[in-house]
Every structure is written in C-alpha cells, then in structure tokens.
C-alpha cells in the first residue's frame, strides 16, 4: 500500500499541529498487528513517501502537492494521503480530477466531514474552510460529489450547496440504516474513479477529540469503521485522504490511535 505524508496546513492559524499527524499516526500503527480482516500490519512493509512542504509558502506548497499527486495517480493503483489539514484536499483533488481527464474516466469525490468547507474561495490558495467550493468553482463536477455527515454549516454554504446541487447525507439519514447508507454511497460511485476524503471531525469528539472543530453528534468510531470497511470493498477507490487530526489537541492519543485504526482498515 502506498502511503504519503502531506503535512500541509492553511487553516488561518487554527490548524497548527495537524502537520505532525502523519508521523504520530504511523507511530501508532506500529501497535496494530493486524486489521479486522486479519491482514498483518507491518509499517516497514508500507510503500511510504512524504511530500516535503514549507507551509510559509502556500504557492510552493500547493504546487508540490499537485505535481506529486498527479505523478502518484499515474503510477499507483491506490494512494492514501495523511494530512495535514483539509486544505491539502484542494490540490490533491485538482490532481485527481486532471488525472481522471487524462485517462478518460469519471471522477467521484465522497467527503466525510462535519462541515461542508464551502466558504467563498476568495483566496488564490484555499484554506481548510474553502477547499471544496474552490475545487467545484475550478472545474470538479459537482454532480459527482457526495457530502456525508455534515451537521454545522453557514447559511452561505447552504446556498452554495443548493446552487450546485451537491448531494448530502445527514447524520440522521446515515444512521437510520447504516447498511442502506453504505449501499447508496456504493451505488453513487459505481463505474467512477473514487476519492474518499476523511475529515476526522465527522466522528463525534467523544471518540476523536484531537481536532480543531469539535462538533457533537457525530458518528461513533465503530460506526465509521464499519462504513470504511464496507466502502473499502470497492475496487475503484484510487485515493483516500485522512485530515484534521491534531496531536497537540488530542487526549491520551485517542484520535491518533483512531487514525491509525482507520489506516489499518484501508491497507
């Protein structure tokens, strides 16, 4: 499995610490000896890379993420990117979209997040609050995006989502029948190239306190692991990112260990 550390942050100072998450997650992964499919986990056997970034230079950071990701998508069947905050998904998403165009395939983006991250993208380099709206305004097909678990949004974001007819699955819809919800997501992504973007705050802060924007009422860690285990059966997942884990805000490494657990189930 190809795993890439992407320690990028552009969170208006609110996400400082997320750049350390990759190292912490991989250290915690060493304590997981097998995943729940009984597949042995050995960090030494991972195909591990890092995109070395200078977060004080956003132009270079975004260029490096885009160029490296575009090369990775052309060479690897699947890649998992460890953030960093959610701003990294803008350049990763652009590279994914361009790669899909290059191979004449249809892209699909499924985002697990407590927030839609669709503030007005008035900056050249979108922050973690604007990355998705910027990605859509710069070409990613909105009809191929599915937001899962959003439970706090600005009125302007609601207008944006409705304008672009972006599909959403609320927490209540998700939990009414978890199996049916999985089926809906799997059917939505059928015959497409899939990118899963996982903001750890989709999970309730009782299970994932180590993040910058804690939103009550999220998924339990067990529920989310079940979702990922189901989706991971899809053969057309090409990219996954795991973002917004902040070791500096964690409690007893609960969130870091959950990140490692999620990673282990994707291997």
C-alpha atoms as a PDB file:
ATOM      1  CA  UNK A   1       0.000   0.000   0.000  1.00  0.00           C
ATOM      2  CA  UNK A   2       1.273   3.440  -0.964  1.00  0.00           C
ATOM      3  CA  UNK A   3       1.022   5.920   1.922  1.00  0.00           C
ATOM      4  CA  UNK A   4       2.025   9.572   1.551  1.00  0.00           C
ATOM      5  CA  UNK A   5       2.527  12.077   4.353  1.00  0.00           C
ATOM      6  CA  UNK A   6       1.288  15.526   3.319  1.00  0.00           C
ATOM      7  CA  UNK A   7       1.994  17.867   6.272  1.00  0.00           C
ATOM      8  CA  UNK A   8       0.273  20.868   4.731  1.00  0.00           C
ATOM      9  CA  UNK A   9      -1.716  23.403   6.736  1.00  0.00           C
ATOM     10  CA  UNK A  10      -3.579  26.503   5.623  1.00  0.00           C
ATOM     11  CA  UNK A  11      -6.108  26.853   8.386  1.00  0.00           C
ATOM     12  CA  UNK A  12      -5.825  30.526   9.286  1.00  0.00           C
ATOM     13  CA  UNK A  13      -3.730  29.567  12.301  1.00  0.00           C
ATOM     14  CA  UNK A  14      -6.469  27.302  13.650  1.00  0.00           C
ATOM     15  CA  UNK A  15      -4.965  24.016  12.481  1.00  0.00           C
ATOM     16  CA  UNK A  16      -1.384  24.366  13.658  1.00  0.00           C
ATOM     17  CA  UNK A  17      -0.302  20.939  14.867  1.00  0.00           C
ATOM     18  CA  UNK A  18      -2.057  18.968  12.111  1.00  0.00           C
ATOM     19  CA  UNK A  19       1.202  18.900  10.163  1.00  0.00           C
ATOM     20  CA  UNK A  20       2.519  16.443  12.782  1.00  0.00           C
ATOM     21  CA  UNK A  21      -0.306  13.941  12.366  1.00  0.00           C
ATOM     22  CA  UNK A  22       1.335  11.684   9.778  1.00  0.00           C
ATOM     23  CA  UNK A  23       4.271  10.798  11.997  1.00  0.00           C
ATOM     24  CA  UNK A  24       2.035  10.223  15.013  1.00  0.00           C
ATOM     25  CA  UNK A  25      -0.392   8.021  13.057  1.00  0.00           C
ATOM     26  CA  UNK A  26       2.396   5.867  11.653  1.00  0.00           C
ATOM     27  CA  UNK A  27       3.937   5.504  15.121  1.00  0.00           C
ATOM     28  CA  UNK A  28       0.553   4.349  16.476  1.00  0.00           C
ATOM     29  CA  UNK A  29       0.164   1.975  13.526  1.00  0.00           C
ATOM     30  CA  UNK A  30       3.161   0.033  14.830  1.00  0.00           C
ATOM     31  CA  UNK A  31       0.952  -1.078  17.741  1.00  0.00           C
ATOM     32  CA  UNK A  32      -1.655  -2.569  15.394  1.00  0.00           C
ATOM     33  CA  UNK A  33      -0.560  -6.086  14.500  1.00  0.00           C
ATOM     34  CA  UNK A  34      -3.426  -6.912  12.144  1.00  0.00           C
ATOM     35  CA  UNK A  35      -6.576  -5.275  10.874  1.00  0.00           C
ATOM     36  CA  UNK A  36     -10.078  -6.707  11.274  1.00  0.00           C
ATOM     37  CA  UNK A  37      -9.664  -8.804   8.113  1.00  0.00           C
ATOM     38  CA  UNK A  38      -6.728 -10.482   9.883  1.00  0.00           C
ATOM     39  CA  UNK A  39      -4.278  -8.939   7.443  1.00  0.00           C
ATOM     40  CA  UNK A  40      -0.926  -8.448   9.226  1.00  0.00           C
ATOM     41  CA  UNK A  41       0.179  -4.835   9.590  1.00  0.00           C
ATOM     42  CA  UNK A  42       3.872  -4.064   9.301  1.00  0.00           C
ATOM     43  CA  UNK A  43       4.798  -0.407   8.901  1.00  0.00           C
ATOM     44  CA  UNK A  44       8.184  -1.422   7.490  1.00  0.00           C
ATOM     45  CA  UNK A  45       6.462  -3.021   4.511  1.00  0.00           C
ATOM     46  CA  UNK A  46       4.481   0.085   3.565  1.00  0.00           C
ATOM     47  CA  UNK A  47       5.470   1.973   0.448  1.00  0.00           C
ATOM     48  CA  UNK A  48       5.906   5.227   2.363  1.00  0.00           C
ATOM     49  CA  UNK A  49       6.628   8.680   0.987  1.00  0.00           C
ATOM     50  CA  UNK A  50       6.396  12.291   2.145  1.00  0.00           C
ATOM     51  CA  UNK A  51       5.762  15.475   0.215  1.00  0.00           C
ATOM     52  CA  UNK A  52       8.131  17.878   1.974  1.00  0.00           C
ATOM     53  CA  UNK A  53       6.420  21.222   2.393  1.00  0.00           C
ATOM     54  CA  UNK A  54       7.119  24.729   3.647  1.00  0.00           C
ATOM     55  CA  UNK A  55       3.795  25.960   4.997  1.00  0.00           C
ATOM     56  CA  UNK A  56       5.014  29.549   5.000  1.00  0.00           C
ATOM     57  CA  UNK A  57       4.987  29.467   1.184  1.00  0.00           C
ATOM     58  CA  UNK A  58       1.491  28.488   0.049  1.00  0.00           C
ATOM     59  CA  UNK A  59       2.244  28.818  -3.654  1.00  0.00           C
ATOM     60  CA  UNK A  60       5.088  26.303  -3.484  1.00  0.00           C
ATOM     61  CA  UNK A  61       3.136  24.055  -1.100  1.00  0.00           C
ATOM     62  CA  UNK A  62       0.128  23.814  -3.421  1.00  0.00           C
ATOM     63  CA  UNK A  63       2.335  23.283  -6.463  1.00  0.00           C
ATOM     64  CA  UNK A  64       4.274  20.483  -4.775  1.00  0.00           C
ATOM     65  CA  UNK A  65       1.126  18.716  -3.601  1.00  0.00           C
ATOM     66  CA  UNK A  66      -0.466  18.959  -7.057  1.00  0.00           C
ATOM     67  CA  UNK A  67       2.585  17.840  -9.030  1.00  0.00           C
ATOM     68  CA  UNK A  68       3.461  14.961  -6.707  1.00  0.00           C
ATOM     69  CA  UNK A  69      -0.148  13.763  -6.534  1.00  0.00           C
ATOM     70  CA  UNK A  70      -0.555  13.863 -10.316  1.00  0.00           C
ATOM     71  CA  UNK A  71       2.526  11.665 -10.684  1.00  0.00           C
ATOM     72  CA  UNK A  72       1.329   9.313  -7.937  1.00  0.00           C
ATOM     73  CA  UNK A  73      -2.101   8.873  -9.550  1.00  0.00           C
ATOM     74  CA  UNK A  74      -0.456   7.958 -12.848  1.00  0.00           C
ATOM     75  CA  UNK A  75       1.811   5.355 -11.232  1.00  0.00           C
ATOM     76  CA  UNK A  76      -0.086   3.843  -8.282  1.00  0.00           C
ATOM     77  CA  UNK A  77      -3.329   1.913  -8.192  1.00  0.00           C
ATOM     78  CA  UNK A  78      -4.278   3.426  -4.835  1.00  0.00           C
ATOM     79  CA  UNK A  79      -2.739   6.040  -2.554  1.00  0.00           C
ATOM     80  CA  UNK A  80      -3.551   7.129   0.991  1.00  0.00           C
ATOM     81  CA  UNK A  81      -2.600  10.682   1.938  1.00  0.00           C
ATOM     82  CA  UNK A  82      -2.082  11.580   5.607  1.00  0.00           C
ATOM     83  CA  UNK A  83      -2.605  15.284   6.328  1.00  0.00           C
ATOM     84  CA  UNK A  84      -2.264  17.965   7.347  1.00  0.00           C
ATOM     85  CA  UNK A  85      -5.494  19.910   7.464  1.00  0.00           C
ATOM     86  CA  UNK A  86      -8.258  19.792   4.894  1.00  0.00           C
ATOM     87  CA  UNK A  87      -6.681  22.462   2.696  1.00  0.00           C
ATOM     88  CA  UNK A  88      -4.443  19.740   1.188  1.00  0.00           C
ATOM     89  CA  UNK A  89      -7.524  18.211  -0.441  1.00  0.00           C
ATOM     90  CA  UNK A  90      -7.786  21.163  -2.833  1.00  0.00           C
ATOM     91  CA  UNK A  91      -4.521  20.422  -4.641  1.00  0.00           C
ATOM     92  CA  UNK A  92      -4.981  16.667  -4.255  1.00  0.00           C
ATOM     93  CA  UNK A  93      -8.480  16.980  -5.712  1.00  0.00           C
ATOM     94  CA  UNK A  94      -7.286  19.077  -8.650  1.00  0.00           C
ATOM     95  CA  UNK A  95      -4.622  16.484  -9.434  1.00  0.00           C
ATOM     96  CA  UNK A  96      -7.171  13.678  -9.142  1.00  0.00           C
ATOM     97  CA  UNK A  97      -9.594  15.462 -11.477  1.00  0.00           C
ATOM     98  CA  UNK A  98      -6.883  16.155 -14.038  1.00  0.00           C
ATOM     99  CA  UNK A  99      -5.666  12.557 -13.860  1.00  0.00           C
ATOM    100  CA  UNK A 100      -9.199  11.275 -14.478  1.00  0.00           C
ATOM    101  CA  UNK A 101      -9.490  13.558 -17.519  1.00  0.00           C
ATOM    102  CA  UNK A 102      -6.159  12.250 -18.793  1.00  0.00           C
ATOM    103  CA  UNK A 103      -7.353   8.637 -18.648  1.00  0.00           C
ATOM    104  CA  UNK A 104     -10.921   9.462 -19.789  1.00  0.00           C
ATOM    105  CA  UNK A 105     -12.505   8.273 -16.542  1.00  0.00           C
ATOM    106  CA  UNK A 106     -15.216   9.879 -14.438  1.00  0.00           C
ATOM    107  CA  UNK A 107     -14.112  11.192 -11.009  1.00  0.00           C
ATOM    108  CA  UNK A 108     -16.130  10.743  -7.821  1.00  0.00           C
ATOM    109  CA  UNK A 109     -15.486  12.528  -4.528  1.00  0.00           C
ATOM    110  CA  UNK A 110     -17.065  11.307  -1.281  1.00  0.00           C
ATOM    111  CA  UNK A 111     -16.355  13.628   1.647  1.00  0.00           C
ATOM    112  CA  UNK A 112     -16.854  12.643   5.278  1.00  0.00           C
ATOM    113  CA  UNK A 113     -16.958  15.882   7.259  1.00  0.00           C
ATOM    114  CA  UNK A 114     -18.900  17.692   9.959  1.00  0.00           C
ATOM    115  CA  UNK A 115     -18.650  20.855   7.820  1.00  0.00           C
ATOM    116  CA  UNK A 116     -19.115  21.443   4.075  1.00  0.00           C
ATOM    117  CA  UNK A 117     -15.943  23.580   3.706  1.00  0.00           C
ATOM    118  CA  UNK A 118     -17.716  25.701   1.110  1.00  0.00           C
ATOM    119  CA  UNK A 119     -16.973  29.225   2.252  1.00  0.00           C
ATOM    120  CA  UNK A 120     -16.390  31.722  -0.556  1.00  0.00           C
ATOM    121  CA  UNK A 121     -12.975  30.882  -2.061  1.00  0.00           C
ATOM    122  CA  UNK A 122     -11.694  34.430  -2.404  1.00  0.00           C
ATOM    123  CA  UNK A 123      -8.052  33.413  -1.972  1.00  0.00           C
ATOM    124  CA  UNK A 124      -5.698  32.027  -4.573  1.00  0.00           C
ATOM    125  CA  UNK A 125      -4.809  29.210  -2.197  1.00  0.00           C
ATOM    126  CA  UNK A 126      -7.976  27.988  -0.428  1.00  0.00           C
ATOM    127  CA  UNK A 127      -7.937  27.296   3.291  1.00  0.00           C
ATOM    128  CA  UNK A 128      -9.450  24.273   5.025  1.00  0.00           C
ATOM    129  CA  UNK A 129     -12.785  26.147   5.105  1.00  0.00           C
ATOM    130  CA  UNK A 130     -12.892  26.834   1.360  1.00  0.00           C
ATOM    131  CA  UNK A 131     -11.184  23.939  -0.385  1.00  0.00           C
ATOM    132  CA  UNK A 132     -14.330  22.207  -1.655  1.00  0.00           C
ATOM    133  CA  UNK A 133     -16.066  25.304  -3.037  1.00  0.00           C
ATOM    134  CA  UNK A 134     -12.795  26.278  -4.748  1.00  0.00           C
ATOM    135  CA  UNK A 135     -12.457  22.798  -6.242  1.00  0.00           C
ATOM    136  CA  UNK A 136     -16.003  22.972  -7.604  1.00  0.00           C
ATOM    137  CA  UNK A 137     -15.649  26.505  -8.977  1.00  0.00           C
ATOM    138  CA  UNK A 138     -12.450  25.442 -10.728  1.00  0.00           C
ATOM    139  CA  UNK A 139     -13.952  22.525 -12.571  1.00  0.00           C
ATOM    140  CA  UNK A 140     -14.638  19.442 -10.432  1.00  0.00           C
ATOM    141  CA  UNK A 141     -18.120  18.182 -11.407  1.00  0.00           C
ATOM    142  CA  UNK A 142     -20.464  18.949  -8.510  1.00  0.00           C
ATOM    143  CA  UNK A 143     -22.854  16.160  -9.541  1.00  0.00           C
ATOM    144  CA  UNK A 144     -20.094  13.671  -8.680  1.00  0.00           C
ATOM    145  CA  UNK A 145     -19.636  14.894  -5.105  1.00  0.00           C
ATOM    146  CA  UNK A 146     -21.346  13.400  -2.067  1.00  0.00           C
ATOM    147  CA  UNK A 147     -21.074  15.030   1.375  1.00  0.00           C
ATOM    148  CA  UNK A 148     -21.606  12.717   4.340  1.00  0.00           C
ATOM    149  CA  UNK A 149     -22.109  13.685   7.987  1.00  0.00           C
ATOM    150  CA  UNK A 150     -22.339  17.486   7.698  1.00  0.00           C
ATOM    151  CA  UNK A 151     -24.029  18.885  10.803  1.00  0.00           C
ATOM    152  CA  UNK A 152     -22.916  22.525  11.063  1.00  0.00           C
ATOM    153  CA  UNK A 153     -22.839  24.954   8.162  1.00  0.00           C
ATOM    154  CA  UNK A 154     -23.155  28.645   7.395  1.00  0.00           C
ATOM    155  CA  UNK A 155     -26.212  29.927   5.505  1.00  0.00           C
ATOM    156  CA  UNK A 156     -23.923  30.942   2.608  1.00  0.00           C
ATOM    157  CA  UNK A 157     -22.644  27.371   2.423  1.00  0.00           C
ATOM    158  CA  UNK A 158     -26.190  26.017   2.317  1.00  0.00           C
ATOM    159  CA  UNK A 159     -26.939  28.340  -0.613  1.00  0.00           C
ATOM    160  CA  UNK A 160     -23.766  27.190  -2.382  1.00  0.00           C
ATOM    161  CA  UNK A 161     -24.614  23.505  -1.905  1.00  0.00           C
ATOM    162  CA  UNK A 162     -28.144  24.018  -3.214  1.00  0.00           C
ATOM    163  CA  UNK A 163     -26.951  26.101  -6.181  1.00  0.00           C
ATOM    164  CA  UNK A 164     -24.540  23.367  -7.252  1.00  0.00           C
ATOM    165  CA  UNK A 165     -26.976  20.547  -6.404  1.00  0.00           C
ATOM    166  CA  UNK A 166     -24.419  18.738  -4.271  1.00  0.00           C
ATOM    167  CA  UNK A 167     -25.710  15.531  -2.754  1.00  0.00           C
ATOM    168  CA  UNK A 168     -25.706  15.298   1.034  1.00  0.00           C
ATOM    169  CA  UNK A 169     -26.386  12.602   3.584  1.00  0.00           C
ATOM    170  CA  UNK A 170     -27.230  13.958   7.031  1.00  0.00           C
ATOM    171  CA  UNK A 171     -26.342  12.212  10.256  1.00  0.00           C
ATOM    172  CA  UNK A 172     -29.967  11.196  10.758  1.00  0.00           C
ATOM    173  CA  UNK A 173     -30.184   9.771   7.234  1.00  0.00           C
ATOM    174  CA  UNK A 174     -26.895   7.991   7.718  1.00  0.00           C
ATOM    175  CA  UNK A 175     -27.924   6.358  10.974  1.00  0.00           C
ATOM    176  CA  UNK A 176     -31.487   5.424  10.054  1.00  0.00           C
ATOM    177  CA  UNK A 177     -29.995   2.430   8.304  1.00  0.00           C
ATOM    178  CA  UNK A 178     -26.229   2.220   8.123  1.00  0.00           C
ATOM    179  CA  UNK A 179     -26.305  -0.656   5.637  1.00  0.00           C
ATOM    180  CA  UNK A 180     -28.636   1.174   3.266  1.00  0.00           C
ATOM    181  CA  UNK A 181     -26.449   4.270   3.570  1.00  0.00           C
ATOM    182  CA  UNK A 182     -23.414   2.239   2.533  1.00  0.00           C
ATOM    183  CA  UNK A 183     -25.361   0.865  -0.427  1.00  0.00           C
ATOM    184  CA  UNK A 184     -26.339   4.388  -1.529  1.00  0.00           C
ATOM    185  CA  UNK A 185     -22.708   5.552  -1.471  1.00  0.00           C
ATOM    186  CA  UNK A 186     -21.520   2.458  -3.286  1.00  0.00           C
ATOM    187  CA  UNK A 187     -24.169   2.841  -5.985  1.00  0.00           C
ATOM    188  CA  UNK A 188     -23.352   6.553  -6.358  1.00  0.00           C
ATOM    189  CA  UNK A 189     -19.693   5.755  -7.009  1.00  0.00           C
ATOM    190  CA  UNK A 190     -20.329   2.848  -9.380  1.00  0.00           C
ATOM    191  CA  UNK A 191     -18.196   2.932 -12.543  1.00  0.00           C
ATOM    192  CA  UNK A 192     -16.300   6.007 -11.350  1.00  0.00           C
ATOM    193  CA  UNK A 193     -12.802   6.655 -10.016  1.00  0.00           C
ATOM    194  CA  UNK A 194     -13.276   7.197  -6.275  1.00  0.00           C
ATOM    195  CA  UNK A 195     -11.578   9.660  -3.968  1.00  0.00           C
ATOM    196  CA  UNK A 196     -12.545   9.406  -0.283  1.00  0.00           C
ATOM    197  CA  UNK A 197     -11.784  12.481   1.815  1.00  0.00           C
ATOM    198  CA  UNK A 198     -12.000  11.883   5.562  1.00  0.00           C
ATOM    199  CA  UNK A 199     -12.072  14.786   7.994  1.00  0.00           C
ATOM    200  CA  UNK A 200     -11.757  13.207  11.422  1.00  0.00           C
ATOM    201  CA  UNK A 201     -14.419  15.562  12.811  1.00  0.00           C
ATOM    202  CA  UNK A 202     -17.110  13.511  11.065  1.00  0.00           C
ATOM    203  CA  UNK A 203     -16.602  11.307  14.126  1.00  0.00           C
ATOM    204  CA  UNK A 204     -18.046  12.512  17.419  1.00  0.00           C
ATOM    205  CA  UNK A 205     -15.493  14.351  19.594  1.00  0.00           C
ATOM    206  CA  UNK A 206     -16.118  11.803  22.356  1.00  0.00           C
ATOM    207  CA  UNK A 207     -14.188   9.390  20.128  1.00  0.00           C
ATOM    208  CA  UNK A 208     -11.964  11.895  18.280  1.00  0.00           C
ATOM    209  CA  UNK A 209     -11.191  14.938  20.449  1.00  0.00           C
ATOM    210  CA  UNK A 210      -7.899  15.744  18.743  1.00  0.00           C
ATOM    211  CA  UNK A 211      -9.154  18.125  16.090  1.00  0.00           C
ATOM    212  CA  UNK A 212      -9.726  21.848  15.726  1.00  0.00           C
ATOM    213  CA  UNK A 213     -13.505  21.988  15.257  1.00  0.00           C
ATOM    214  CA  UNK A 214     -15.273  19.572  17.583  1.00  0.00           C
ATOM    215  CA  UNK A 215     -18.886  19.013  16.579  1.00  0.00           C
ATOM    216  CA  UNK A 216     -21.137  16.935  18.891  1.00  0.00           C
ATOM    217  CA  UNK A 217     -23.485  14.422  17.359  1.00  0.00           C
ATOM    218  CA  UNK A 218     -21.092  12.650  15.042  1.00  0.00           C
ATOM    219  CA  UNK A 219     -20.509   9.009  14.262  1.00  0.00           C
ATOM    220  CA  UNK A 220     -19.050   6.645  16.793  1.00  0.00           C
ATOM    221  CA  UNK A 221     -15.671   5.218  15.913  1.00  0.00           C
ATOM    222  CA  UNK A 222     -17.298   1.805  15.428  1.00  0.00           C
ATOM    223  CA  UNK A 223     -19.898   3.155  13.019  1.00  0.00           C
ATOM    224  CA  UNK A 224     -17.277   4.919  10.951  1.00  0.00           C
ATOM    225  CA  UNK A 225     -15.012   1.894  10.831  1.00  0.00           C
ATOM    226  CA  UNK A 226     -17.951  -0.156   9.562  1.00  0.00           C
ATOM    227  CA  UNK A 227     -18.572   2.401   6.808  1.00  0.00           C
ATOM    228  CA  UNK A 228     -14.930   2.345   5.747  1.00  0.00           C
ATOM    229  CA  UNK A 229     -14.767  -1.438   5.837  1.00  0.00           C
ATOM    230  CA  UNK A 230     -17.786  -1.624   3.535  1.00  0.00           C
ATOM    231  CA  UNK A 231     -16.541   1.046   1.125  1.00  0.00           C
ATOM    232  CA  UNK A 232     -13.066  -0.452   1.063  1.00  0.00           C
ATOM    233  CA  UNK A 233     -14.516  -3.457  -0.761  1.00  0.00           C
ATOM    234  CA  UNK A 234     -14.876  -1.248  -3.829  1.00  0.00           C
ATOM    235  CA  UNK A 235     -12.158  -1.938  -6.375  1.00  0.00           C
ATOM    236  CA  UNK A 236     -12.293   1.558  -7.885  1.00  0.00           C
ATOM    237  CA  UNK A 237     -11.040   3.548  -4.872  1.00  0.00           C
ATOM    238  CA  UNK A 238      -7.986   5.354  -6.167  1.00  0.00           C
ATOM    239  CA  UNK A 239      -7.321   7.898  -3.418  1.00  0.00           C
ATOM    240  CA  UNK A 240      -8.045   8.467   0.254  1.00  0.00           C
ATOM    241  CA  UNK A 241      -7.046  11.363   2.431  1.00  0.00           C
ATOM    242  CA  UNK A 242      -7.227  11.498   6.223  1.00  0.00           C
ATOM    243  CA  UNK A 243      -7.040  15.020   7.583  1.00  0.00           C
ATOM    244  CA  UNK A 244      -7.544  17.374  10.544  1.00  0.00           C
ATOM    245  CA  UNK A 245      -6.050  15.094  13.202  1.00  0.00           C
ATOM    246  CA  UNK A 246      -4.184  17.353  15.605  1.00  0.00           C
ATOM    247  CA  UNK A 247      -1.904  15.553  18.079  1.00  0.00           C
ATOM    248  CA  UNK A 248      -1.453  18.789  20.033  1.00  0.00           C
ATOM    249  CA  UNK A 249      -5.179  18.825  20.854  1.00  0.00           C
ATOM    250  CA  UNK A 250      -5.575  15.103  21.455  1.00  0.00           C
ATOM    251  CA  UNK A 251      -6.386  13.344  24.721  1.00  0.00           C
ATOM    252  CA  UNK A 252      -4.300  10.263  25.521  1.00  0.00           C
ATOM    253  CA  UNK A 253      -3.687   9.781  21.772  1.00  0.00           C
ATOM    254  CA  UNK A 254      -7.302   8.680  21.288  1.00  0.00           C
ATOM    255  CA  UNK A 255      -7.635  10.431  17.941  1.00  0.00           C
ATOM    256  CA  UNK A 256      -4.192   9.474  16.691  1.00  0.00           C
ATOM    257  CA  UNK A 257      -4.861   5.819  17.508  1.00  0.00           C
ATOM    258  CA  UNK A 258      -8.216   6.021  15.733  1.00  0.00           C
ATOM    259  CA  UNK A 259      -6.436   7.470  12.704  1.00  0.00           C
ATOM    260  CA  UNK A 260      -4.048   4.519  12.773  1.00  0.00           C
ATOM    261  CA  UNK A 261      -7.002   2.142  13.063  1.00  0.00           C
ATOM    262  CA  UNK A 262      -8.690   3.732  10.044  1.00  0.00           C
ATOM    263  CA  UNK A 263      -5.447   3.480   8.089  1.00  0.00           C
ATOM    264  CA  UNK A 264      -5.057  -0.178   9.020  1.00  0.00           C
ATOM    265  CA  UNK A 265      -8.523  -0.976   7.657  1.00  0.00           C
ATOM    266  CA  UNK A 266      -7.663   0.660   4.338  1.00  0.00           C
ATOM    267  CA  UNK A 267      -4.489  -1.377   3.881  1.00  0.00           C
END
